[in-house]
Each structure stands twice: as structure tokens, then as C-alpha cells.
Amino acid sequence: MASMELDQDACYRAMVTRDARFDGRLFVAVETTGIYCRPICPARTPKRENVRFFASAAAAQEAGFRPCLRCRPDCSPELASWRGTESTVVRALALIEQGALDDDDDVEGLAERLGVGGRQLRRLFAQHLGASPNTVAQTRRVLLAKQLIHDTQLSMTMIASAAGFGSVRRFNETFLRLYKRPPSALRRKHGEPARGGDAISLSLSYVPPYDFAALLSFLAARAIPGVELVSSTSYARTIAIDGVGGTLEVSPSRTQENRLDLTVRFPKLSALPSILGRVRQIFDLSADPVTIAEQLGQDAFLAPLVNARPGLRVPGAWDGFELAVRAVLGQQITVVAATKLCGTLVSVFGSPLAVGSSVAAGLTHVFPTPARLAAADLSVLPMPRARSAALVSLARAVAADPGLLNPQATLDEAVRKLCALPGIGEWTAQYIAMRALREPDAFPAADVALQRALARADGSRPTARQVLSQAARWSPWRSYAALHLWASLVGRPVSRRPAA
């Protein structure tokens, strides 16, 4: 959504009233100061003729404006109200968030990974974000660096590495050009610089409403023993990137509204952008709950469910392979049984977490890598031989093609590739696409629980084909519809009537 497509007068009214619902949806650039702000900025309201509005921080920055030091656009929710309308842009942003353009700004290489041309990718970014892919990547680096300067006591060298800058020199030059001052001048003095081994704590914004309790409940029921710990107020887990292990913990902020507090313990600071991106995916922080609720609420069947659970999100996954293994293990058995089996797999084939890395007792292992399971003898696990073979085939496929479970293909392409693997059918592929590939329109129509949630008044259940037909009007937010249907079953007695 380019800036020219925004209703400038409506945007100005939202800014005048400092409407928090528009935080992350638009950015306000003031011509007389050269600064861009969030619509909730407490500064004096500028005159209408002196402001321009942009759909993204990157678009404002590409137009020559610099971030406000008062309202801090680096703390703004990373919204994507166009999600579901241009999957190529969504997938490109996910890869940029993982550092795809940090090293060499290779837009052509990024486009090739997505199966499009470089010119087409630039055109899509201009259309939907009002900025080029390189500007989006640079804005992400700058805003993350600025948040680290404000909220941590990391040294400037450590911040440059953590934010994805290739060198300290590039880091300094970027801040001098954008802020007309060195990055150290933006720091608030409070204490000594942190060391590399210390925990890093940051806050992550989201747009309300947000049913955090429901998301924690979903994760708690599926928490892998030794890898994840979920309480009534927090989520903690072990993590591994490029063979290096660590931990993270997420909980609601105690001091700020509409924020989650994240604490990371990881020895490689350069991995921080990837860690932040994955945490945002786990907790679905880029969702636009207003847009999603407006569309799903138009359906007579879903409307009361949406109204009953405002802000319901689709839980993501730390790692696509981990989620895919869990999905295969969970075929035709209960959630409890699948969780126990997954814990056994981790205890046998996972890597022990280094002493001193854990945030809490009980986090003991990192999940096994594809290479480890590809060479493993899974016959020691209590499960059918066919399922063991399916896991080995999956592990070998991901070890040979790590992009198989990355957001590079369209939903149909991803499902087709997954279904080509032994032991993975349509239900499993759609579930993986929903949670691991972050496809907002993925929908496991063959799921028995969905069929039960859509049961008719006489108790009969629709077939998978009938469910898929009914769900057509929920597109492009069918994943969220599935969460609402699953949530509607909580506390409902299980019917013994078999599926049609």
C-alpha cells in the first residue's frame, strides 16, 4: 500500500485524535521538521498542509524523513494490513526479517528465492509498502539499533552487530546521515555497558486486542518437555541457530500497555534480528486484529465466536522443522500423547543445553537438527514403523533443502511439496503451513475438531469437502477462522458421533 493510496484527510483525523488503533498502520511525516512520527506522538499537532502520511516507516525514510526521538517509531507495532493480499511481499518480508539483505543487499538473489524477477519484486514493494526492499531492510536495521541504544547498555560495537550492520563504520555512517549525530549521542546514560554474555531484554509491540492467555494455553498444551516451559503468564524455551544454543522468555510487559517483554540469552549477538523475527512469528505480533475481525465477523456462523474471543492469534513456531516433526508425531493420536512422544524424541536425539544458559529448571535440550534425525535409528521410539520412516524422510528432505520449511513458496506450492513427502497428507501440510510458514489462509479442512465445531443442529458433521466449501468466504484469513473454531470447543463435551 503506497502512500498515495492512503486517505490523507482520514489519516490526519486519526493523528489529531491520537487514535491508537492506527499505530503501525500509518506514519506521519512533517515537512517543516523532516521528521516522521507515529500517529500517537504526544508532540504538538502540525498543520494539515505540513504533513504527509505513509503506510510504512520504510516509505517515510525513503522519502527523506528521519525517525522521531520522542514517539520512537522503533517501538511501533510491525503491522501488515495487506497480509493475505500479496503473498510474495509477505514472504519477502519474512526473509528480510531473517537477514536476507543484511550482508550484500542482493535484491536479485532474494527475488530468485521467491521465484520472481528483481524488477517485479521492487514493483510489489513500491505498491504495497511505498519503499524498496533495500530501504525496508535498512529501516529494520536502523530501528532495531535505535531500540537497542535506548533500551540496553550494549556497546555500540555490539549493537552494530546485533542490528545486522556489516561493520561499525557502516553503522556510524548510517546514523550520521539519518540523525545528523553519532549513535552514541542518542543513548540515555544509565549504568555501565553490558557484556556479550549478559541477557538482552527488549519489548515488542502489538496492536490490541490480543488474547495472550489463549495463545499461552495453546502452546502449553503442546509444550515439548525439556524444550519449552509455559506458565500462566510466560513462555520460555531453548533455541539454537547455526549450532549455537541459548534460551528466551516472553511475558506481558508490566510497565507498558500492548507490549510483550522478551529476554534473550544467546552468545551470538548477530543472531538477534533472526531471534526477534521468530518470536514475532510465534506470538503473531504482526497481525491486524481489527481487519481480520471485520471480515470474519461478517459470517453469521463465525461472528459470535469472533466477538467472544477478540484478538485471538495464530500461534507460530520457533522452527519449521520442529513444528513439522511435531505434526507428523501427532497424526491420529491425542495432543497429550504427541507431546509425551516428542519429549522422548528430544531426550534421546536432542542436544543438551550448555550449563548456565537456562532461564529456568526444566529447559535441558535443544531440538534435534534435520541432519541428526536423518541419520537416527527411530525404532527406539514407541511409534509405528511407517511414522518413523516418515520422520526420517522429512528430516532428509529438509537437510537437503533447508528452504523447504521457509516462507519462499506460495501456499499451494508449499502444500504440494510437503504432500510429496511420505507420510504427510493434506491435513499435516496445511497445519505446517499455518503455523510454521505463517500462511494466514492455510486451513486443515480434514481436521476432525474443525468438523466437530461445524456440526449441524442434529449433531451430524460436515465432510472435509463441505468444510472447505464453507470456509471459502473466510479467505484470506482462514487460519484465524480455524483458531476460533478450535477455541469454541474448549469446555464442550466430546460427541461420540463419528465424522461423516
Protein backbone atom coordinates (compact mmCIF):
# COMPACT_ATOMS: atom_id res chain seq x y z
CA MET A 1 0.00 0.00 0.00
CA ALA A 2 1.85 3.06 -1.22
CA SER A 3 1.50 6.42 0.46
CA MET A 4 -0.51 7.82 -2.45
CA GLU A 5 -3.27 5.28 -1.71
CA LEU A 6 -3.83 6.49 1.85
CA ASP A 7 -6.75 8.79 2.54
CA GLN A 8 -4.71 11.77 3.71
CA ASP A 9 -7.64 13.57 5.36
CA ALA A 10 -8.74 10.45 7.26
CA CYS A 11 -5.14 9.92 8.36
CA TYR A 12 -4.97 13.50 9.64
CA ARG A 13 -8.13 12.98 11.69
CA ALA A 14 -6.62 9.83 13.21
CA MET A 15 -3.48 11.79 14.07
CA VAL A 16 -5.40 14.69 15.64
CA THR A 17 -7.27 12.28 17.92
CA ARG A 18 -4.10 10.20 18.51
CA ASP A 19 -6.14 7.09 17.78
CA ALA A 20 -4.09 4.09 18.98
CA ARG A 21 -5.87 1.82 16.51
CA PHE A 22 -3.81 3.41 13.74
CA ASP A 23 -0.46 2.87 15.44
CA GLY A 24 1.56 0.79 12.98
CA ARG A 25 -0.96 1.35 10.18
CA LEU A 26 0.42 4.72 9.15
CA PHE A 27 3.30 7.10 9.81
CA VAL A 28 3.15 10.89 9.90
CA ALA A 29 5.89 12.91 8.18
CA VAL A 30 6.21 16.62 8.96
CA GLU A 31 7.63 18.65 6.08
CA THR A 32 8.82 21.55 8.23
CA THR A 33 10.94 19.38 10.55
CA GLY A 34 11.93 16.48 8.30
CA ILE A 35 10.78 14.02 10.99
CA TYR A 36 8.30 11.15 10.78
CA CYS A 37 6.25 10.04 13.79
CA ARG A 38 3.69 7.55 14.96
CA PRO A 39 0.07 8.83 14.89
CA ILE A 40 0.06 8.71 18.72
CA CYS A 41 3.06 11.05 19.07
CA PRO A 42 2.48 13.47 22.00
CA ALA A 43 4.16 16.36 20.16
CA ARG A 44 2.12 19.41 19.14
CA THR A 45 -0.15 18.64 16.19
CA PRO A 46 1.29 20.11 12.96
CA LYS A 47 -0.83 21.93 10.42
CA ARG A 48 -2.57 19.83 7.79
CA GLU A 49 -0.63 21.40 4.91
CA ASN A 50 2.69 20.45 6.51
CA VAL A 51 2.17 16.70 6.86
CA ARG A 52 2.32 13.64 4.64
CA PHE A 53 1.26 10.11 5.51
CA PHE A 54 2.99 6.84 4.69
CA ALA A 55 1.96 3.22 5.04
CA SER A 56 5.33 2.12 6.41
CA ALA A 57 8.32 3.51 8.26
CA ALA A 58 10.49 2.45 5.32
CA ALA A 59 8.42 4.60 2.92
CA ALA A 60 8.82 7.66 5.15
CA GLN A 61 12.54 7.02 5.47
CA GLU A 62 12.95 6.53 1.71
CA ALA A 63 11.22 9.89 1.21
CA GLY A 64 13.99 11.52 3.27
CA PHE A 65 12.39 11.78 6.73
CA ARG A 66 14.13 10.68 9.94
CA PRO A 67 12.51 8.92 12.93
CA CYS A 68 11.14 10.95 15.82
CA LEU A 69 13.17 10.69 19.03
CA ARG A 70 10.07 11.30 21.15
CA CYS A 71 7.45 8.78 19.99
CA ARG A 72 10.12 6.32 18.74
CA PRO A 73 8.83 4.60 15.59
CA ASP A 74 11.23 1.78 16.50
CA CYS A 75 8.67 0.78 19.16
CA SER A 76 5.70 0.86 16.78
CA PRO A 77 3.87 -2.40 16.05
CA GLU A 78 5.03 -4.04 12.84
CA LEU A 79 1.64 -4.24 11.18
CA ALA A 80 0.88 -5.59 7.75
CA SER A 81 -2.73 -4.78 6.93
CA TRP A 82 -2.15 -6.00 3.37
CA ARG A 83 -1.28 -9.54 4.57
CA GLY A 84 -3.19 -12.10 2.57
CA THR A 85 -3.42 -9.86 -0.50
CA GLU A 86 0.18 -10.16 -1.73
CA SER A 87 1.88 -13.29 -0.53
CA THR A 88 5.14 -12.51 -2.35
CA VAL A 89 5.64 -9.37 -0.26
CA VAL A 90 4.76 -11.24 2.95
CA ARG A 91 7.27 -13.98 2.17
CA ALA A 92 9.93 -11.44 1.18
CA LEU A 93 9.48 -9.55 4.44
CA ALA A 94 9.82 -12.77 6.42
CA LEU A 95 13.13 -13.50 4.68
CA ILE A 96 14.35 -9.91 5.16
CA GLU A 97 13.49 -10.20 8.83
CA GLN A 98 15.73 -13.26 8.94
CA GLY A 99 18.60 -11.18 7.50
CA ALA A 100 18.27 -11.96 3.79
CA LEU A 101 19.54 -8.49 2.77
CA ASP A 102 21.91 -7.78 5.66
CA ASP A 103 25.12 -8.95 4.02
CA ASP A 104 25.15 -7.80 0.43
CA ASP A 105 21.78 -6.15 -0.29
CA ASP A 106 21.20 -8.76 -3.02
CA VAL A 107 17.66 -7.99 -4.14
CA GLU A 108 18.08 -10.16 -7.22
CA GLY A 109 19.07 -13.12 -5.03
CA LEU A 110 16.07 -12.53 -2.77
CA ALA A 111 13.77 -12.36 -5.78
CA GLU A 112 15.21 -15.60 -7.14
CA ARG A 113 14.48 -17.36 -3.84
CA LEU A 114 10.88 -16.19 -4.16
CA GLY A 115 10.55 -17.27 -7.78
CA VAL A 116 10.05 -13.76 -9.22
CA GLY A 117 12.21 -11.23 -11.05
CA GLY A 118 14.04 -8.44 -9.27
CA ARG A 119 12.06 -5.77 -11.13
CA GLN A 120 8.76 -7.39 -10.18
CA LEU A 121 9.80 -7.60 -6.53
CA ARG A 122 10.74 -3.91 -6.45
CA ARG A 123 7.41 -3.03 -8.08
CA LEU A 124 5.45 -5.04 -5.50
CA PHE A 125 7.31 -3.39 -2.63
CA ALA A 126 6.64 0.05 -4.09
CA GLN A 127 2.96 -0.81 -4.50
CA HIS A 128 2.36 -2.32 -1.06
CA LEU A 129 4.93 -0.59 1.14
CA GLY A 130 5.93 2.52 -0.76
CA ALA A 131 9.64 1.62 -0.41
CA SER A 132 12.28 -0.61 -1.99
CA PRO A 133 13.39 -3.92 -0.45
CA ASN A 134 16.79 -2.43 0.44
CA THR A 135 15.15 0.52 2.22
CA VAL A 136 12.90 -1.84 4.16
CA ALA A 137 15.95 -3.86 5.25
CA GLN A 138 17.92 -0.73 6.21
CA THR A 139 14.96 0.72 8.13
CA ARG A 140 14.62 -2.54 10.06
CA ARG A 141 18.31 -2.37 10.99
CA VAL A 142 18.19 1.29 11.98
CA LEU A 143 15.05 0.99 14.13
CA LEU A 144 16.34 -2.12 15.87
CA ALA A 145 19.67 -0.40 16.55
CA LYS A 146 17.86 2.63 17.93
CA GLN A 147 15.78 0.45 20.25
CA LEU A 148 18.93 -1.26 21.50
CA ILE A 149 20.59 2.11 22.09
CA HIS A 150 17.62 3.30 24.16
CA ASP A 151 16.72 0.10 25.99
CA THR A 152 20.04 -1.65 26.63
CA GLN A 153 23.57 -0.85 27.71
CA LEU A 154 25.24 -2.84 24.96
CA SER A 155 28.31 -1.19 23.48
CA MET A 156 27.94 0.47 20.07
CA THR A 157 30.07 -2.27 18.51
CA MET A 158 27.75 -4.91 19.94
CA ILE A 159 24.67 -3.00 18.80
CA ALA A 160 26.02 -2.71 15.25
CA SER A 161 26.45 -6.48 15.16
CA ALA A 162 23.11 -7.22 16.83
CA ALA A 163 21.17 -4.97 14.44
CA GLY A 164 22.64 -6.57 11.32
CA PHE A 165 25.08 -3.88 10.19
CA GLY A 166 28.06 -5.29 8.34
CA SER A 167 30.51 -3.05 10.18
CA VAL A 168 30.71 -0.37 12.85
CA ARG A 169 31.73 2.13 10.19
CA ARG A 170 28.55 1.46 8.20
CA PHE A 171 26.55 1.70 11.43
CA ASN A 172 28.03 5.12 12.29
CA GLU A 173 27.67 6.48 8.75
CA THR A 174 24.00 5.48 8.60
CA PHE A 175 23.17 7.22 11.88
CA LEU A 176 25.11 10.35 10.96
CA ARG A 177 23.26 10.59 7.67
CA LEU A 178 19.84 9.91 9.17
CA TYR A 179 20.02 11.63 12.57
CA LYS A 180 22.81 14.18 11.94
CA ARG A 181 24.58 12.84 15.04
CA PRO A 182 26.56 9.74 16.06
CA PRO A 183 24.61 6.83 17.56
CA SER A 184 26.23 7.32 20.96
CA ALA A 185 24.57 10.74 21.22
CA LEU A 186 21.14 9.01 21.33
CA ARG A 187 21.96 6.99 24.41
CA ARG A 188 20.47 7.78 27.77
CA LYS A 189 23.13 7.39 30.45
CA HIS A 190 22.22 4.71 32.98
CA GLY A 191 24.89 2.30 34.11
CA GLU A 192 27.84 0.52 32.62
CA PRO A 193 27.86 -1.07 29.15
CA ALA A 194 26.68 -4.68 29.09
CA ARG A 195 28.91 -7.63 28.31
CA GLY A 196 28.32 -10.04 25.45
CA GLY A 197 27.21 -12.87 27.73
CA ASP A 198 24.54 -10.86 29.53
CA ALA A 199 20.83 -11.30 28.87
CA ILE A 200 19.23 -8.81 26.48
CA SER A 201 15.76 -7.54 27.36
CA LEU A 202 13.52 -5.77 24.84
CA SER A 203 9.83 -5.02 24.46
CA LEU A 204 7.81 -5.95 21.37
CA SER A 205 4.67 -4.03 20.40
CA TYR A 206 1.38 -5.32 19.07
CA VAL A 207 -1.97 -3.85 18.14
CA PRO A 208 -4.76 -4.68 20.61
CA PRO A 209 -6.87 -6.60 21.26
CA TYR A 210 -4.63 -9.58 21.97
CA ASP A 211 -5.81 -12.79 23.66
CA PHE A 212 -2.43 -13.67 25.16
CA ALA A 213 -3.96 -16.15 27.61
CA ALA A 214 -5.49 -18.19 24.78
CA LEU A 215 -2.19 -18.30 22.90
CA LEU A 216 -0.33 -19.42 26.04
CA SER A 217 -2.95 -22.10 26.63
CA PHE A 218 -2.48 -23.41 23.10
CA LEU A 219 1.31 -23.51 23.50
CA ALA A 220 1.10 -25.02 26.98
CA ALA A 221 -0.92 -28.00 25.75
CA ARG A 222 1.79 -28.73 23.17
CA ALA A 223 4.94 -27.73 25.10
CA ILE A 224 7.79 -30.16 24.42
CA PRO A 225 9.35 -31.42 27.69
CA GLY A 226 12.93 -30.24 28.02
CA VAL A 227 12.49 -27.65 25.26
CA GLU A 228 9.55 -25.47 26.34
CA LEU A 229 8.12 -24.24 29.64
CA VAL A 230 4.77 -22.45 29.75
CA SER A 231 3.22 -20.89 32.85
CA SER A 232 0.02 -18.89 33.22
CA THR A 233 1.94 -15.70 32.35
CA SER A 234 5.08 -16.64 30.40
CA TYR A 235 6.62 -18.77 27.69
CA ALA A 236 10.24 -19.95 27.81
CA ARG A 237 12.18 -22.25 25.53
CA THR A 238 15.57 -23.36 24.32
CA ILE A 239 16.75 -22.10 20.93
CA ALA A 240 19.53 -22.99 18.52
CA ILE A 241 20.88 -21.13 15.49
CA ASP A 242 23.79 -22.47 13.43
CA GLY A 243 24.65 -24.98 16.13
CA VAL A 244 24.74 -22.41 18.95
CA GLY A 245 22.27 -22.83 21.82
CA GLY A 246 20.53 -20.38 24.13
CA THR A 247 17.16 -19.54 25.66
CA LEU A 248 14.42 -16.95 25.53
CA GLU A 249 11.49 -15.96 27.71
CA VAL A 250 8.38 -13.94 26.81
CA SER A 251 5.76 -12.43 29.10
CA PRO A 252 3.35 -9.47 29.11
CA SER A 253 5.03 -6.16 29.92
CA ARG A 254 4.49 -4.99 33.47
CA THR A 255 5.18 -1.34 32.69
CA GLN A 256 3.80 -0.66 29.19
CA GLU A 257 0.50 -1.38 27.52
CA ASN A 258 0.27 -3.50 24.38
CA ARG A 259 3.80 -4.84 24.75
CA LEU A 260 5.46 -8.17 25.40
CA ASP A 261 8.77 -8.32 27.26
CA LEU A 262 11.42 -10.55 25.72
CA THR A 263 14.60 -11.75 27.45
CA VAL A 264 17.20 -13.46 25.27
CA ARG A 265 20.28 -15.34 26.40
CA PHE A 266 22.33 -16.13 23.33
CA PRO A 267 26.08 -15.78 22.79
CA LYS A 268 25.94 -14.57 19.16
CA LEU A 269 24.56 -11.02 19.03
CA SER A 270 24.43 -11.11 15.23
CA ALA A 271 21.56 -13.61 15.54
CA LEU A 272 19.31 -11.11 17.37
CA PRO A 273 17.34 -9.93 14.29
CA SER A 274 16.53 -13.53 13.41
CA ILE A 275 15.53 -14.28 17.01
CA LEU A 276 13.24 -11.25 17.12
CA GLY A 277 11.66 -12.24 13.83
CA ARG A 278 10.96 -15.74 15.06
CA VAL A 279 9.49 -14.51 18.34
CA ARG A 280 7.15 -12.19 16.42
CA GLN A 281 6.04 -15.20 14.40
CA ILE A 282 5.46 -17.40 17.47
CA PHE A 283 3.22 -14.74 19.01
CA ASP A 284 1.75 -13.45 15.73
CA LEU A 285 2.63 -9.85 16.59
CA SER A 286 2.26 -8.53 13.03
CA ALA A 287 -1.41 -9.48 12.79
CA ASP A 288 -4.00 -6.77 12.28
CA PRO A 289 -6.81 -7.96 14.58
CA VAL A 290 -9.21 -5.21 13.51
CA THR A 291 -9.05 -6.08 9.82
CA ILE A 292 -9.29 -9.81 10.50
CA ALA A 293 -12.25 -9.46 12.87
CA GLU A 294 -14.10 -7.18 10.47
CA GLN A 295 -14.03 -9.78 7.70
CA LEU A 296 -14.63 -12.90 9.77
CA GLY A 297 -17.36 -11.09 11.70
CA GLN A 298 -19.38 -10.77 8.51
CA ASP A 299 -20.02 -14.52 8.58
CA ALA A 300 -23.13 -15.39 10.58
CA PHE A 301 -21.61 -18.57 12.00
CA LEU A 302 -18.24 -17.06 12.97
CA ALA A 303 -19.49 -13.67 14.22
CA PRO A 304 -20.38 -14.81 17.77
CA LEU A 305 -17.09 -16.72 18.05
CA VAL A 306 -15.08 -13.68 16.95
CA ASN A 307 -16.97 -11.43 19.36
CA ALA A 308 -16.42 -13.88 22.21
CA ARG A 309 -12.63 -14.01 21.70
CA PRO A 310 -11.35 -10.68 20.41
CA GLY A 311 -7.67 -10.64 19.49
CA LEU A 312 -7.26 -14.39 19.00
CA ARG A 313 -3.95 -15.07 17.22
CA VAL A 314 -2.49 -17.99 15.27
CA PRO A 315 0.41 -19.45 17.30
CA GLY A 316 3.56 -19.76 15.23
CA ALA A 317 6.65 -21.88 15.72
CA TRP A 318 10.28 -21.23 16.58
CA ASP A 319 11.48 -23.63 13.89
CA GLY A 320 9.67 -25.08 10.89
CA PHE A 321 11.33 -28.48 11.15
CA GLU A 322 10.47 -28.79 14.83
CA LEU A 323 6.84 -27.99 14.09
CA ALA A 324 6.72 -30.40 11.14
CA VAL A 325 8.11 -33.24 13.29
CA ARG A 326 5.54 -32.47 15.95
CA ALA A 327 2.76 -32.51 13.33
CA VAL A 328 3.83 -35.91 11.99
CA LEU A 329 4.12 -37.35 15.51
CA GLY A 330 0.65 -36.05 16.31
CA GLN A 331 -1.11 -37.88 13.48
CA GLN A 332 -4.00 -40.00 14.77
CA ILE A 333 -3.05 -39.65 18.46
CA THR A 334 -4.04 -37.19 21.17
CA VAL A 335 -2.23 -33.93 21.89
CA VAL A 336 -1.08 -35.32 25.25
CA ALA A 337 0.35 -38.47 23.66
CA ALA A 338 2.09 -36.49 20.92
CA THR A 339 3.65 -34.16 23.48
CA LYS A 340 4.99 -37.07 25.52
CA LEU A 341 6.36 -38.79 22.41
CA CYS A 342 8.04 -35.59 21.26
CA GLY A 343 9.67 -35.23 24.67
CA THR A 344 11.06 -38.76 24.38
CA LEU A 345 12.47 -37.97 20.94
CA VAL A 346 14.18 -34.86 22.30
CA SER A 347 15.67 -36.66 25.30
CA VAL A 348 17.16 -39.34 23.03
CA PHE A 349 18.25 -37.33 19.99
CA GLY A 350 18.34 -33.68 21.15
CA SER A 351 21.48 -31.83 22.21
CA PRO A 352 21.92 -30.97 25.91
CA LEU A 353 21.78 -27.25 26.64
CA ALA A 354 25.03 -25.72 27.87
CA VAL A 355 25.15 -25.27 31.64
CA GLY A 356 24.21 -21.73 32.67
CA SER A 357 22.12 -20.99 29.56
CA SER A 358 18.74 -21.94 31.02
CA VAL A 359 16.30 -19.34 32.30
CA ALA A 360 14.60 -21.96 34.46
CA ALA A 361 14.95 -25.53 35.63
CA GLY A 362 13.39 -27.88 33.11
CA LEU A 363 14.93 -26.41 29.96
CA THR A 364 17.52 -29.07 29.24
CA HIS A 365 17.78 -29.77 25.50
CA VAL A 366 17.59 -28.11 22.10
CA PHE A 367 15.51 -29.83 19.45
CA PRO A 368 17.43 -32.24 17.19
CA THR A 369 18.53 -30.95 13.79
CA PRO A 370 17.34 -32.41 10.49
CA ALA A 371 20.78 -33.93 9.93
CA ARG A 372 20.64 -35.65 13.33
CA LEU A 373 17.24 -37.23 12.74
CA ALA A 374 18.06 -38.10 9.12
CA ALA A 375 20.78 -40.43 10.38
CA ALA A 376 18.95 -41.63 13.51
CA ASP A 377 17.50 -45.04 14.28
CA LEU A 378 13.99 -44.08 15.34
CA SER A 379 12.95 -47.64 16.05
CA VAL A 380 13.73 -46.96 19.71
CA LEU A 381 10.67 -44.71 19.88
CA PRO A 382 7.22 -46.21 20.64
CA MET A 383 5.51 -45.47 17.34
CA PRO A 384 4.57 -47.29 14.13
CA ARG A 385 7.35 -48.11 11.68
CA ALA A 386 5.63 -46.10 8.93
CA ARG A 387 5.70 -42.99 11.09
CA SER A 388 9.39 -43.45 11.87
CA ALA A 389 10.05 -43.75 8.14
CA ALA A 390 8.04 -40.59 7.50
CA LEU A 391 10.12 -38.65 10.06
CA VAL A 392 13.39 -39.85 8.53
CA SER A 393 12.17 -38.89 5.04
CA LEU A 394 11.14 -35.46 6.31
CA ALA A 395 14.50 -34.93 8.03
CA ARG A 396 16.42 -35.95 4.91
CA ALA A 397 14.32 -33.66 2.71
CA VAL A 398 14.85 -30.64 4.99
CA ALA A 399 18.57 -31.41 5.39
CA ALA A 400 18.89 -31.46 1.59
CA ASP A 401 16.67 -28.38 1.08
CA PRO A 402 16.55 -26.08 4.17
CA GLY A 403 14.22 -23.75 2.26
CA LEU A 404 11.50 -26.40 2.24
CA LEU A 405 10.13 -25.06 5.53
CA ASN A 406 10.96 -21.39 4.93
CA PRO A 407 8.43 -18.87 3.57
CA GLN A 408 9.70 -18.99 -0.02
CA ALA A 409 6.87 -20.73 -1.84
CA THR A 410 3.19 -19.88 -2.20
CA LEU A 411 0.69 -21.74 -0.05
CA ASP A 412 -0.28 -24.12 -2.87
CA GLU A 413 3.38 -24.79 -3.76
CA ALA A 414 4.34 -25.38 -0.12
CA VAL A 415 1.45 -27.80 0.44
CA ARG A 416 2.25 -29.64 -2.79
CA LYS A 417 5.93 -30.09 -1.82
CA LEU A 418 5.04 -31.27 1.66
CA CYS A 419 2.40 -33.72 0.44
CA ALA A 420 5.01 -35.25 -1.89
CA LEU A 421 6.88 -36.50 1.20
CA PRO A 422 5.98 -39.96 2.57
CA GLY A 423 3.55 -39.87 5.47
CA ILE A 424 2.46 -36.24 5.01
CA GLY A 425 -1.06 -35.63 3.80
CA GLU A 426 -3.18 -32.56 3.19
CA TRP A 427 -4.07 -32.06 6.87
CA THR A 428 -0.46 -32.18 8.05
CA ALA A 429 0.74 -29.94 5.22
CA GLN A 430 -1.94 -27.30 5.89
CA TYR A 431 -1.18 -27.36 9.63
CA ILE A 432 2.54 -26.87 8.94
CA ALA A 433 1.74 -24.03 6.53
CA MET A 434 -0.50 -22.38 9.12
CA ARG A 435 1.96 -22.40 12.00
CA ALA A 436 5.46 -22.75 10.53
CA LEU A 437 5.12 -20.94 7.19
CA ARG A 438 2.78 -18.30 8.67
CA GLU A 439 0.23 -18.63 5.88
CA PRO A 440 -2.88 -16.73 7.06
CA ASP A 441 -5.10 -18.63 4.62
CA ALA A 442 -3.95 -22.18 5.38
CA PHE A 443 -6.83 -24.36 6.50
CA PRO A 444 -6.74 -28.07 7.50
CA ALA A 445 -10.28 -28.85 6.36
CA ALA A 446 -9.94 -32.56 7.18
CA ASP A 447 -9.34 -31.85 10.86
CA VAL A 448 -11.86 -33.77 12.97
CA ALA A 449 -12.04 -30.97 15.54
CA LEU A 450 -13.00 -28.43 12.86
CA GLN A 451 -15.69 -30.78 11.62
CA ARG A 452 -16.98 -31.15 15.17
CA ALA A 453 -17.01 -27.37 15.66
CA LEU A 454 -19.08 -27.04 12.48
CA ALA A 455 -21.52 -29.81 13.40
CA ARG A 456 -25.14 -29.27 12.38
CA ALA A 457 -28.04 -28.93 14.82
CA ASP A 458 -28.77 -32.67 14.59
CA GLY A 459 -25.17 -33.48 15.54
CA SER A 460 -24.06 -34.61 12.09
CA ARG A 461 -20.68 -33.33 10.94
CA PRO A 462 -19.75 -31.92 7.54
CA THR A 463 -17.21 -33.70 5.34
CA ALA A 464 -13.80 -32.17 4.64
CA ARG A 465 -15.07 -31.04 1.25
CA GLN A 466 -18.11 -29.37 2.82
CA VAL A 467 -15.91 -27.68 5.43
CA LEU A 468 -13.63 -26.34 2.70
CA SER A 469 -16.63 -25.02 0.77
CA GLN A 470 -17.99 -23.24 3.86
CA ALA A 471 -14.55 -21.76 4.61
CA ALA A 472 -14.21 -20.18 1.18
CA ARG A 473 -15.85 -16.96 2.35
CA TRP A 474 -13.36 -16.67 5.23
CA SER A 475 -10.40 -16.24 2.89
CA PRO A 476 -7.73 -14.80 3.21
CA TRP A 477 -7.99 -15.34 7.00
CA ARG A 478 -8.97 -19.00 7.19
CA SER A 479 -6.16 -19.80 9.65
CA TYR A 480 -7.72 -17.37 12.14
CA ALA A 481 -11.14 -18.88 11.48
CA ALA A 482 -9.68 -22.30 12.35
CA LEU A 483 -8.36 -20.94 15.67
CA HIS A 484 -11.79 -19.54 16.52
CA LEU A 485 -13.43 -22.88 15.71
CA TRP A 486 -10.92 -24.80 17.83
CA ALA A 487 -11.36 -22.32 20.68
CA SER A 488 -15.13 -22.79 20.54
CA LEU A 489 -14.64 -26.44 21.52
CA VAL A 490 -12.98 -25.62 24.85
CA GLY A 491 -15.29 -26.92 27.56
CA ARG A 492 -17.67 -28.53 25.06
CA PRO A 493 -18.33 -32.24 25.72
CA VAL A 494 -16.96 -34.58 23.04
CA SER A 495 -19.65 -36.16 20.92
CA ARG A 496 -19.36 -39.88 20.19
CA ARG A 497 -21.00 -39.49 16.78
CA PRO A 498 -18.42 -40.40 14.07
CA ALA A 499 -17.47 -37.93 11.38
CA ALA A 500 -19.46 -38.14 8.18
